[in-house]
Amino acid sequence: VPHWEEGLAPAVLAPDYQRIMDVLAGGNGKRGEAMDCRRLAAALGLEP
């Protein structure tokens, strides 16, 4: 996982990390909404 810098897109991340970014960026909910790891795991389709 590279350090984030201006202009770097989530596409450079491994697929699991991209999915986490997508869910937290609004793919499964409201943009900017903070999630705990249990809710995040459920949003990713994993059993809690």
All heavy atoms as atom14 arrays in JSON, in Angstrom:
{
  "sequence": "VPHWEEGLAPAVLAPDYQRIMDVLAGGNGKRGEAMDCRRLAAALGLEP",
  "atom14_mask": [
    [1, 1, 1, 1, 1, 1, 1, 0, 0, 0, 0, 0, 0, 0],
    [1, 1, 1, 1, 1, 1, 1, 0, 0, 0, 0, 0, 0, 0],
    [1, 1, 1, 1, 1, 1, 1, 1, 1, 1, 0, 0, 0, 0],
    [1, 1, 1, 1, 1, 1, 1, 1, 1, 1, 1, 1, 1, 1],
    [1, 1, 1, 1, 1, 1, 1, 1, 1, 0, 0, 0, 0, 0],
    [1, 1, 1, 1, 1, 1, 1, 1, 1, 0, 0, 0, 0, 0],
    [1, 1, 1, 1, 0, 0, 0, 0, 0, 0, 0, 0, 0, 0],
    [1, 1, 1, 1, 1, 1, 1, 1, 0, 0, 0, 0, 0, 0],
    [1, 1, 1, 1, 1, 0, 0, 0, 0, 0, 0, 0, 0, 0],
    [1, 1, 1, 1, 1, 1, 1, 0, 0, 0, 0, 0, 0, 0],
    [1, 1, 1, 1, 1, 0, 0, 0, 0, 0, 0, 0, 0, 0],
    [1, 1, 1, 1, 1, 1, 1, 0, 0, 0, 0, 0, 0, 0],
    [1, 1, 1, 1, 1, 1, 1, 1, 0, 0, 0, 0, 0, 0],
    [1, 1, 1, 1, 1, 0, 0, 0, 0, 0, 0, 0, 0, 0],
    [1, 1, 1, 1, 1, 1, 1, 0, 0, 0, 0, 0, 0, 0],
    [1, 1, 1, 1, 1, 1, 1, 1, 0, 0, 0, 0, 0, 0],
    [1, 1, 1, 1, 1, 1, 1, 1, 1, 1, 1, 1, 0, 0],
    [1, 1, 1, 1, 1, 1, 1, 1, 1, 0, 0, 0, 0, 0],
    [1, 1, 1, 1, 1, 1, 1, 1, 1, 1, 1, 0, 0, 0],
    [1, 1, 1, 1, 1, 1, 1, 1, 0, 0, 0, 0, 0, 0],
    [1, 1, 1, 1, 1, 1, 1, 1, 0, 0, 0, 0, 0, 0],
    [1, 1, 1, 1, 1, 1, 1, 1, 0, 0, 0, 0, 0, 0],
    [1, 1, 1, 1, 1, 1, 1, 0, 0, 0, 0, 0, 0, 0],
    [1, 1, 1, 1, 1, 1, 1, 1, 0, 0, 0, 0, 0, 0],
    [1, 1, 1, 1, 1, 0, 0, 0, 0, 0, 0, 0, 0, 0],
    [1, 1, 1, 1, 0, 0, 0, 0, 0, 0, 0, 0, 0, 0],
    [1, 1, 1, 1, 0, 0, 0, 0, 0, 0, 0, 0, 0, 0],
    [1, 1, 1, 1, 1, 1, 1, 1, 0, 0, 0, 0, 0, 0],
    [1, 1, 1, 1, 0, 0, 0, 0, 0, 0, 0, 0, 0, 0],
    [1, 1, 1, 1, 1, 1, 1, 1, 1, 0, 0, 0, 0, 0],
    [1, 1, 1, 1, 1, 1, 1, 1, 1, 1, 1, 0, 0, 0],
    [1, 1, 1, 1, 0, 0, 0, 0, 0, 0, 0, 0, 0, 0],
    [1, 1, 1, 1, 1, 1, 1, 1, 1, 0, 0, 0, 0, 0],
    [1, 1, 1, 1, 1, 0, 0, 0, 0, 0, 0, 0, 0, 0],
    [1, 1, 1, 1, 1, 1, 1, 1, 0, 0, 0, 0, 0, 0],
    [1, 1, 1, 1, 1, 1, 1, 1, 0, 0, 0, 0, 0, 0],
    [1, 1, 1, 1, 1, 1, 0, 0, 0, 0, 0, 0, 0, 0],
    [1, 1, 1, 1, 1, 1, 1, 1, 1, 1, 1, 0, 0, 0],
    [1, 1, 1, 1, 1, 1, 1, 1, 1, 1, 1, 0, 0, 0],
    [1, 1, 1, 1, 1, 1, 1, 1, 0, 0, 0, 0, 0, 0],
    [1, 1, 1, 1, 1, 0, 0, 0, 0, 0, 0, 0, 0, 0],
    [1, 1, 1, 1, 1, 0, 0, 0, 0, 0, 0, 0, 0, 0],
    [1, 1, 1, 1, 1, 0, 0, 0, 0, 0, 0, 0, 0, 0],
    [1, 1, 1, 1, 1, 1, 1, 1, 0, 0, 0, 0, 0, 0],
    [1, 1, 1, 1, 0, 0, 0, 0, 0, 0, 0, 0, 0, 0],
    [1, 1, 1, 1, 1, 1, 1, 1, 0, 0, 0, 0, 0, 0],
    [1, 1, 1, 1, 1, 1, 1, 1, 1, 0, 0, 0, 0, 0],
    [1, 1, 1, 1, 1, 1, 1, 0, 0, 0, 0, 0, 0, 0]
  ],
  "atom14_positions": [
    [[0.86, -1.18, 0.0], [0.0, 0.0, 0.0], [0.9, 1.23, 0.0], [1.63, 1.47, 0.96], [-0.92, 0.02, 1.25], [-1.72, 1.31, 1.3], [-1.81, -1.19, 1.28], [0.0, 0.0, 0.0], [0.0, 0.0, 0.0], [0.0, 0.0, 0.0], [0.0, 0.0, 0.0], [0.0, 0.0, 0.0], [0.0, 0.0, 0.0], [0.0, 0.0, 0.0]],
    [[0.88, 2.02, -1.09], [1.73, 3.22, -1.14], [1.16, 4.32, -0.25], [-0.03, 4.34, 0.05], [1.67, 3.63, -2.61], [0.35, 3.12, -3.09], [0.1, 1.85, -2.31], [0.0, 0.0, 0.0], [0.0, 0.0, 0.0], [0.0, 0.0, 0.0], [0.0, 0.0, 0.0], [0.0, 0.0, 0.0], [0.0, 0.0, 0.0], [0.0, 0.0, 0.0]],
    [[2.01, 5.24, 0.15], [1.55, 6.42, 0.89], [0.76, 7.29, -0.07], [1.14, 7.46, -1.22], [2.74, 7.2, 1.47], [3.37, 6.51, 2.62], [2.91, 6.66, 3.91], [4.4, 5.65, 2.7], [3.65, 5.92, 4.72], [4.56, 5.29, 4.0], [0.0, 0.0, 0.0], [0.0, 0.0, 0.0], [0.0, 0.0, 0.0], [0.0, 0.0, 0.0]],
    [[-0.36, 7.83, 0.42], [-1.2, 8.67, -0.42], [-0.48, 9.98, -0.7], [0.17, 10.56, 0.18], [-2.54, 8.96, 0.26], [-3.44, 9.76, -0.62], [-4.27, 9.28, -1.59], [-3.58, 11.18, -0.65], [-4.91, 10.31, -2.21], [-4.5, 11.49, -1.66], [-3.0, 12.22, 0.06], [-4.89, 12.79, -1.97], [-3.36, 13.52, -0.25], [-4.3, 13.8, -1.25]],
    [[-0.61, 10.46, -1.92], [-0.15, 11.8, -2.28], [-1.08, 12.34, -3.34], [-1.8, 11.58, -3.99], [1.31, 11.8, -2.75], [1.58, 10.94, -3.96], [3.06, 10.91, -4.29], [3.86, 10.57, -3.43], [3.38, 11.23, -5.44], [0.0, 0.0, 0.0], [0.0, 0.0, 0.0], [0.0, 0.0, 0.0], [0.0, 0.0, 0.0], [0.0, 0.0, 0.0]],
    [[-1.09, 13.64, -3.52], [-1.97, 14.3, -4.47], [-1.88, 13.66, -5.84], [-0.79, 13.43, -6.35], [-1.6, 15.79, -4.56], [-2.59, 16.62, -5.33], [-3.94, 16.72, -4.63], [-3.96, 16.84, -3.4], [-4.96, 16.68, -5.34], [0.0, 0.0, 0.0], [0.0, 0.0, 0.0], [0.0, 0.0, 0.0], [0.0, 0.0, 0.0], [0.0, 0.0, 0.0]],
    [[-3.02, 13.34, -6.42], [-3.07, 12.77, -7.75], [-3.03, 11.26, -7.8], [-3.21, 10.66, -8.86], [0.0, 0.0, 0.0], [0.0, 0.0, 0.0], [0.0, 0.0, 0.0], [0.0, 0.0, 0.0], [0.0, 0.0, 0.0], [0.0, 0.0, 0.0], [0.0, 0.0, 0.0], [0.0, 0.0, 0.0], [0.0, 0.0, 0.0], [0.0, 0.0, 0.0]],
    [[-2.8, 10.61, -6.68], [-2.75, 9.15, -6.64], [-4.18, 8.62, -6.46], [-4.88, 9.02, -5.55], [-1.87, 8.7, -5.47], [-1.24, 7.32, -5.55], [-0.41, 7.18, -6.82], [-0.35, 7.08, -4.35], [0.0, 0.0, 0.0], [0.0, 0.0, 0.0], [0.0, 0.0, 0.0], [0.0, 0.0, 0.0], [0.0, 0.0, 0.0], [0.0, 0.0, 0.0]],
    [[-4.59, 7.74, -7.37], [-5.96, 7.2, -7.34], [-6.01, 5.86, -6.63], [-5.01, 5.14, -6.59], [-6.45, 7.04, -8.78], [0.0, 0.0, 0.0], [0.0, 0.0, 0.0], [0.0, 0.0, 0.0], [0.0, 0.0, 0.0], [0.0, 0.0, 0.0], [0.0, 0.0, 0.0], [0.0, 0.0, 0.0], [0.0, 0.0, 0.0], [0.0, 0.0, 0.0]],
    [[-7.18, 5.5, -6.07], [-7.32, 4.21, -5.41], [-7.03, 3.0, -6.32], [-6.83, 1.9, -5.83], [-8.78, 4.2, -4.94], [-9.14, 5.63, -4.8], [-8.38, 6.33, -5.9], [0.0, 0.0, 0.0], [0.0, 0.0, 0.0], [0.0, 0.0, 0.0], [0.0, 0.0, 0.0], [0.0, 0.0, 0.0], [0.0, 0.0, 0.0], [0.0, 0.0, 0.0]],
    [[-6.97, 3.2, -7.62], [-6.68, 2.1, -8.55], [-5.3, 1.51, -8.33], [-5.05, 0.38, -8.75], [-6.83, 2.58, -9.99], [0.0, 0.0, 0.0], [0.0, 0.0, 0.0], [0.0, 0.0, 0.0], [0.0, 0.0, 0.0], [0.0, 0.0, 0.0], [0.0, 0.0, 0.0], [0.0, 0.0, 0.0], [0.0, 0.0, 0.0], [0.0, 0.0, 0.0]],
    [[-4.41, 2.22, -7.64], [-3.07, 1.69, -7.39], [-3.06, 0.71, -6.21], [-2.07, 0.04, -5.99], [-2.01, 2.8, -7.14], [-1.92, 3.73, -8.34], [-2.3, 3.57, -5.87], [0.0, 0.0, 0.0], [0.0, 0.0, 0.0], [0.0, 0.0, 0.0], [0.0, 0.0, 0.0], [0.0, 0.0, 0.0], [0.0, 0.0, 0.0], [0.0, 0.0, 0.0]],
    [[-4.18, 0.65, -5.49], [-4.28, -0.24, -4.33], [-4.68, -1.64, -4.75], [-5.31, -1.84, -5.79], [-5.33, 0.3, -3.35], [-5.05, 1.68, -2.76], [-6.27, 2.17, -1.98], [-3.83, 1.65, -1.87], [0.0, 0.0, 0.0], [0.0, 0.0, 0.0], [0.0, 0.0, 0.0], [0.0, 0.0, 0.0], [0.0, 0.0, 0.0], [0.0, 0.0, 0.0]],
    [[-4.33, -2.62, -3.94], [-4.74, -4.0, -4.16], [-6.28, -4.07, -4.09], [-6.91, -3.22, -3.45], [-4.12, -4.91, -3.12], [0.0, 0.0, 0.0], [0.0, 0.0, 0.0], [0.0, 0.0, 0.0], [0.0, 0.0, 0.0], [0.0, 0.0, 0.0], [0.0, 0.0, 0.0], [0.0, 0.0, 0.0], [0.0, 0.0, 0.0], [0.0, 0.0, 0.0]],
    [[-6.89, -5.06, -4.73], [-8.36, -5.13, -4.79], [-9.07, -5.06, -3.43], [-10.09, -4.38, -3.33], [-8.61, -6.49, -5.46], [-7.4, -6.71, -6.3], [-6.25, -6.12, -5.52], [0.0, 0.0, 0.0], [0.0, 0.0, 0.0], [0.0, 0.0, 0.0], [0.0, 0.0, 0.0], [0.0, 0.0, 0.0], [0.0, 0.0, 0.0], [0.0, 0.0, 0.0]],
    [[-8.57, -5.73, -2.4], [-9.23, -5.67, -1.09], [-9.24, -4.25, -0.54], [-10.23, -3.81, 0.05], [-8.53, -6.59, -0.09], [-8.8, -8.06, -0.36], [-9.72, -8.38, -1.14], [-8.07, -8.9, 0.2], [0.0, 0.0, 0.0], [0.0, 0.0, 0.0], [0.0, 0.0, 0.0], [0.0, 0.0, 0.0], [0.0, 0.0, 0.0], [0.0, 0.0, 0.0]],
    [[-8.15, -3.53, -0.73], [-8.07, -2.16, -0.24], [-8.97, -1.24, -1.08], [-9.59, -0.32, -0.55], [-6.62, -1.67, -0.29], [-5.74, -2.39, 0.69], [-4.96, -3.47, 0.29], [-5.68, -2.0, 2.02], [-4.15, -4.15, 1.18], [-4.88, -2.67, 2.93], [-4.12, -3.74, 2.5], [-3.33, -4.4, 3.4], [0.0, 0.0, 0.0], [0.0, 0.0, 0.0]],
    [[-9.07, -1.49, -2.38], [-9.96, -0.72, -3.24], [-11.41, -0.87, -2.8], [-12.17, 0.1, -2.79], [-9.83, -1.16, -4.7], [-8.54, -0.73, -5.36], [-8.47, -1.19, -6.81], [-9.48, -1.33, -7.48], [-7.26, -1.42, -7.28], [0.0, 0.0, 0.0], [0.0, 0.0, 0.0], [0.0, 0.0, 0.0], [0.0, 0.0, 0.0], [0.0, 0.0, 0.0]],
    [[-11.79, -2.09, -2.43], [-13.16, -2.34, -1.97], [-13.45, -1.56, -0.69], [-14.53, -0.98, -0.53], [-13.39, -3.83, -1.74], [-13.45, -4.62, -3.05], [-13.65, -6.1, -2.83], [-14.84, -6.37, -2.06], [-14.97, -7.39, -1.22], [-13.98, -8.23, -1.02], [-16.09, -7.56, -0.57], [0.0, 0.0, 0.0], [0.0, 0.0, 0.0], [0.0, 0.0, 0.0]],
    [[-12.5, -1.52, 0.24], [-12.67, -0.75, 1.47], [-12.84, 0.72, 1.15], [-13.74, 1.39, 1.66], [-11.49, -0.99, 2.44], [-11.54, -2.42, 2.99], [-11.51, 0.04, 3.58], [-10.32, -2.83, 3.77], [0.0, 0.0, 0.0], [0.0, 0.0, 0.0], [0.0, 0.0, 0.0], [0.0, 0.0, 0.0], [0.0, 0.0, 0.0], [0.0, 0.0, 0.0]],
    [[-11.99, 1.24, 0.26], [-12.08, 2.65, -0.14], [-13.43, 2.93, -0.79], [-14.05, 3.96, -0.51], [-10.94, 3.01, -1.1], [-9.56, 2.99, -0.5], [-9.3, 4.32, 0.7], [-9.38, 5.76, -0.35], [0.0, 0.0, 0.0], [0.0, 0.0, 0.0], [0.0, 0.0, 0.0], [0.0, 0.0, 0.0], [0.0, 0.0, 0.0], [0.0, 0.0, 0.0]],
    [[-13.9, 2.02, -1.66], [-15.16, 2.21, -2.36], [-16.33, 2.28, -1.38], [-17.19, 3.15, -1.48], [-15.38, 1.09, -3.37], [-16.67, 1.27, -4.15], [-16.88, 2.38, -4.69], [-17.46, 0.31, -4.21], [0.0, 0.0, 0.0], [0.0, 0.0, 0.0], [0.0, 0.0, 0.0], [0.0, 0.0, 0.0], [0.0, 0.0, 0.0], [0.0, 0.0, 0.0]],
    [[-16.36, 1.36, -0.43], [-17.45, 1.35, 0.55], [-17.43, 2.64, 1.36], [-18.47, 3.29, 1.54], [-17.35, 0.12, 1.48], [-18.27, 0.26, 2.68], [-17.68, -1.15, 0.71], [0.0, 0.0, 0.0], [0.0, 0.0, 0.0], [0.0, 0.0, 0.0], [0.0, 0.0, 0.0], [0.0, 0.0, 0.0], [0.0, 0.0, 0.0], [0.0, 0.0, 0.0]],
    [[-16.26, 3.05, 1.84], [-16.18, 4.25, 2.67], [-16.36, 5.54, 1.87], [-16.75, 6.56, 2.42], [-14.86, 4.28, 3.43], [-14.75, 3.24, 4.55], [-13.34, 3.23, 5.12], [-15.77, 3.5, 5.63], [0.0, 0.0, 0.0], [0.0, 0.0, 0.0], [0.0, 0.0, 0.0], [0.0, 0.0, 0.0], [0.0, 0.0, 0.0], [0.0, 0.0, 0.0]],
    [[-16.08, 5.49, 0.56], [-16.24, 6.68, -0.28], [-17.68, 6.84, -0.77], [-17.98, 7.79, -1.48], [-15.29, 6.62, -1.47], [0.0, 0.0, 0.0], [0.0, 0.0, 0.0], [0.0, 0.0, 0.0], [0.0, 0.0, 0.0], [0.0, 0.0, 0.0], [0.0, 0.0, 0.0], [0.0, 0.0, 0.0], [0.0, 0.0, 0.0], [0.0, 0.0, 0.0]],
    [[-18.55, 5.91, -0.43], [-19.94, 6.08, -0.8], [-20.51, 4.98, -1.65], [-21.65, 5.07, -2.08], [0.0, 0.0, 0.0], [0.0, 0.0, 0.0], [0.0, 0.0, 0.0], [0.0, 0.0, 0.0], [0.0, 0.0, 0.0], [0.0, 0.0, 0.0], [0.0, 0.0, 0.0], [0.0, 0.0, 0.0], [0.0, 0.0, 0.0], [0.0, 0.0, 0.0]],
    [[-19.74, 3.95, -1.92], [-20.24, 2.83, -2.7], [-21.39, 2.12, -2.01], [-22.31, 1.63, -2.65], [0.0, 0.0, 0.0], [0.0, 0.0, 0.0], [0.0, 0.0, 0.0], [0.0, 0.0, 0.0], [0.0, 0.0, 0.0], [0.0, 0.0, 0.0], [0.0, 0.0, 0.0], [0.0, 0.0, 0.0], [0.0, 0.0, 0.0], [0.0, 0.0, 0.0]],
    [[-21.39, 2.06, -0.69], [-22.45, 1.42, 0.09], [-22.88, 2.36, 1.23], [-22.72, 2.04, 2.37], [-21.97, 0.11, 0.72], [-21.99, -1.03, -0.25], [-22.4, -0.88, -1.38], [-21.52, -2.17, 0.19], [0.0, 0.0, 0.0], [0.0, 0.0, 0.0], [0.0, 0.0, 0.0], [0.0, 0.0, 0.0], [0.0, 0.0, 0.0], [0.0, 0.0, 0.0]],
    [[-23.35, 3.5, 0.9], [-23.78, 4.41, 1.96], [-23.47, 5.84, 1.62], [-23.16, 6.19, 0.5], [0.0, 0.0, 0.0], [0.0, 0.0, 0.0], [0.0, 0.0, 0.0], [0.0, 0.0, 0.0], [0.0, 0.0, 0.0], [0.0, 0.0, 0.0], [0.0, 0.0, 0.0], [0.0, 0.0, 0.0], [0.0, 0.0, 0.0], [0.0, 0.0, 0.0]],
    [[-23.51, 6.68, 2.62], [-23.34, 8.11, 2.47], [-21.85, 8.47, 2.48], [-21.1, 8.0, 3.3], [-24.07, 8.76, 3.66], [-24.21, 10.23, 3.61], [-25.15, 10.7, 4.68], [-24.52, 10.52, 6.05], [-25.26, 11.13, 7.12], [0.0, 0.0, 0.0], [0.0, 0.0, 0.0], [0.0, 0.0, 0.0], [0.0, 0.0, 0.0], [0.0, 0.0, 0.0]],
    [[-21.43, 9.32, 1.54], [-20.03, 9.74, 1.47], [-19.62, 10.45, 2.75], [-20.35, 11.25, 3.29], [-19.81, 10.68, 0.3], [-18.39, 11.23, 0.34], [-17.9, 11.62, -1.01], [-16.54, 12.11, -0.92], [-15.47, 11.36, -0.94], [-15.58, 10.06, -1.03], [-14.27, 11.88, -0.86], [0.0, 0.0, 0.0], [0.0, 0.0, 0.0], [0.0, 0.0, 0.0]],
    [[-18.44, 10.13, 3.22], [-17.91, 10.78, 4.4], [-18.39, 10.17, 5.7], [-17.94, 10.57, 6.76], [0.0, 0.0, 0.0], [0.0, 0.0, 0.0], [0.0, 0.0, 0.0], [0.0, 0.0, 0.0], [0.0, 0.0, 0.0], [0.0, 0.0, 0.0], [0.0, 0.0, 0.0], [0.0, 0.0, 0.0], [0.0, 0.0, 0.0], [0.0, 0.0, 0.0]],
    [[-19.3, 9.21, 5.62], [-19.8, 8.57, 6.83], [-18.72, 7.66, 7.41], [-18.19, 6.81, 6.72], [-21.05, 7.75, 6.51], [-21.64, 7.04, 7.69], [-22.83, 6.18, 7.31], [-23.15, 6.08, 6.12], [-23.42, 5.6, 8.24], [0.0, 0.0, 0.0], [0.0, 0.0, 0.0], [0.0, 0.0, 0.0], [0.0, 0.0, 0.0], [0.0, 0.0, 0.0]],
    [[-18.39, 7.86, 8.67], [-17.4, 7.01, 9.33], [-18.04, 5.68, 9.7], [-19.21, 5.63, 10.07], [-16.87, 7.71, 10.57], [0.0, 0.0, 0.0], [0.0, 0.0, 0.0], [0.0, 0.0, 0.0], [0.0, 0.0, 0.0], [0.0, 0.0, 0.0], [0.0, 0.0, 0.0], [0.0, 0.0, 0.0], [0.0, 0.0, 0.0], [0.0, 0.0, 0.0]],
    [[-17.27, 4.61, 9.53], [-17.77, 3.27, 9.86], [-16.8, 2.57, 10.78], [-15.59, 2.73, 10.63], [-17.89, 2.41, 8.59], [-19.07, 2.67, 7.74], [-19.15, 1.33, 6.51], [-20.48, 1.9, 5.53], [0.0, 0.0, 0.0], [0.0, 0.0, 0.0], [0.0, 0.0, 0.0], [0.0, 0.0, 0.0], [0.0, 0.0, 0.0], [0.0, 0.0, 0.0]],
    [[-17.36, 1.77, 11.68], [-16.49, 0.91, 12.47], [-16.21, -0.35, 11.65], [-16.84, -0.6, 10.62], [-17.09, 0.6, 13.84], [-18.37, -0.22, 13.78], [-18.63, -0.88, 12.76], [-19.1, -0.21, 14.78], [0.0, 0.0, 0.0], [0.0, 0.0, 0.0], [0.0, 0.0, 0.0], [0.0, 0.0, 0.0], [0.0, 0.0, 0.0], [0.0, 0.0, 0.0]],
    [[-15.28, -1.15, 12.08], [-14.83, -2.3, 11.3], [-15.88, -3.39, 11.18], [-15.94, -4.1, 10.18], [-13.53, -2.84, 11.89], [-12.2, -1.65, 11.72], [0.0, 0.0, 0.0], [0.0, 0.0, 0.0], [0.0, 0.0, 0.0], [0.0, 0.0, 0.0], [0.0, 0.0, 0.0], [0.0, 0.0, 0.0], [0.0, 0.0, 0.0], [0.0, 0.0, 0.0]],
    [[-16.74, -3.52, 12.16], [-17.81, -4.52, 12.09], [-18.8, -4.16, 10.97], [-19.16, -4.99, 10.15], [-18.53, -4.62, 13.43], [-19.54, -5.75, 13.51], [-20.11, -5.85, 14.91], [-19.05, -5.94, 15.9], [-18.63, -7.07, 16.45], [-19.19, -8.19, 16.11], [-17.66, -7.07, 17.33], [0.0, 0.0, 0.0], [0.0, 0.0, 0.0], [0.0, 0.0, 0.0]],
    [[-19.22, -2.88, 10.92], [-20.12, -2.43, 9.85], [-19.42, -2.48, 8.5], [-20.03, -2.82, 7.49], [-20.58, -1.0, 10.12], [-21.8, -0.94, 11.0], [-22.37, 0.46, 11.14], [-22.55, 1.15, 9.88], [-22.48, 2.46, 9.75], [-22.22, 3.23, 10.78], [-22.68, 3.02, 8.58], [0.0, 0.0, 0.0], [0.0, 0.0, 0.0], [0.0, 0.0, 0.0]],
    [[-18.15, -2.13, 8.48], [-17.38, -2.15, 7.24], [-17.28, -3.58, 6.7], [-17.47, -3.82, 5.51], [-16.0, -1.55, 7.47], [-15.09, -1.38, 6.27], [-15.76, -0.6, 5.16], [-13.81, -0.69, 6.69], [0.0, 0.0, 0.0], [0.0, 0.0, 0.0], [0.0, 0.0, 0.0], [0.0, 0.0, 0.0], [0.0, 0.0, 0.0], [0.0, 0.0, 0.0]],
    [[-17.02, -4.54, 7.57], [-16.95, -5.95, 7.16], [-18.29, -6.4, 6.58], [-18.33, -7.08, 5.55], [-16.54, -6.83, 8.33], [0.0, 0.0, 0.0], [0.0, 0.0, 0.0], [0.0, 0.0, 0.0], [0.0, 0.0, 0.0], [0.0, 0.0, 0.0], [0.0, 0.0, 0.0], [0.0, 0.0, 0.0], [0.0, 0.0, 0.0], [0.0, 0.0, 0.0]],
    [[-19.38, -6.02, 7.22], [-20.71, -6.4, 6.72], [-20.97, -5.75, 5.36], [-21.51, -6.38, 4.46], [-21.78, -5.99, 7.73], [0.0, 0.0, 0.0], [0.0, 0.0, 0.0], [0.0, 0.0, 0.0], [0.0, 0.0, 0.0], [0.0, 0.0, 0.0], [0.0, 0.0, 0.0], [0.0, 0.0, 0.0], [0.0, 0.0, 0.0], [0.0, 0.0, 0.0]],
    [[-20.58, -4.49, 5.19], [-20.76, -3.79, 3.91], [-19.92, -4.42, 2.81], [-20.28, -4.35, 1.63], [-20.41, -2.32, 4.07], [0.0, 0.0, 0.0], [0.0, 0.0, 0.0], [0.0, 0.0, 0.0], [0.0, 0.0, 0.0], [0.0, 0.0, 0.0], [0.0, 0.0, 0.0], [0.0, 0.0, 0.0], [0.0, 0.0, 0.0], [0.0, 0.0, 0.0]],
    [[-18.83, -5.06, 3.17], [-17.98, -5.75, 2.2], [-18.49, -7.15, 1.88], [-17.91, -7.86, 1.08], [-16.54, -5.84, 2.73], [-15.78, -4.52, 2.8], [-14.51, -4.69, 3.6], [-15.48, -4.01, 1.4], [0.0, 0.0, 0.0], [0.0, 0.0, 0.0], [0.0, 0.0, 0.0], [0.0, 0.0, 0.0], [0.0, 0.0, 0.0], [0.0, 0.0, 0.0]],
    [[-19.56, -7.57, 2.55], [-20.15, -8.88, 2.31], [-19.52, -9.99, 3.13], [-19.7, -11.17, 2.84], [0.0, 0.0, 0.0], [0.0, 0.0, 0.0], [0.0, 0.0, 0.0], [0.0, 0.0, 0.0], [0.0, 0.0, 0.0], [0.0, 0.0, 0.0], [0.0, 0.0, 0.0], [0.0, 0.0, 0.0], [0.0, 0.0, 0.0], [0.0, 0.0, 0.0]],
    [[-18.77, -9.62, 4.17], [-18.14, -10.62, 5.03], [-19.01, -10.87, 6.26], [-19.72, -9.97, 6.71], [-16.76, -10.12, 5.49], [-15.76, -9.79, 4.39], [-14.53, -9.13, 4.98], [-15.39, -11.04, 3.63], [0.0, 0.0, 0.0], [0.0, 0.0, 0.0], [0.0, 0.0, 0.0], [0.0, 0.0, 0.0], [0.0, 0.0, 0.0], [0.0, 0.0, 0.0]],
    [[-18.92, -12.08, 6.78], [-19.63, -12.37, 8.02], [-18.93, -11.6, 9.14], [-17.71, -11.51, 9.16], [-19.58, -13.87, 8.32], [-20.38, -14.7, 7.34], [-20.34, -16.17, 7.72], [-20.63, -16.49, 8.89], [-19.98, -16.97, 6.85], [0.0, 0.0, 0.0], [0.0, 0.0, 0.0], [0.0, 0.0, 0.0], [0.0, 0.0, 0.0], [0.0, 0.0, 0.0]],
    [[-19.7, -11.07, 10.09], [-19.08, -10.3, 11.17], [-18.43, -11.17, 12.24], [-18.65, -10.99, 13.43], [-20.25, -9.47, 11.72], [-21.45, -10.28, 11.41], [-21.16, -11.01, 10.13], [0.0, 0.0, 0.0], [0.0, 0.0, 0.0], [0.0, 0.0, 0.0], [0.0, 0.0, 0.0], [0.0, 0.0, 0.0], [0.0, 0.0, 0.0], [0.0, 0.0, 0.0]]
  ]
}
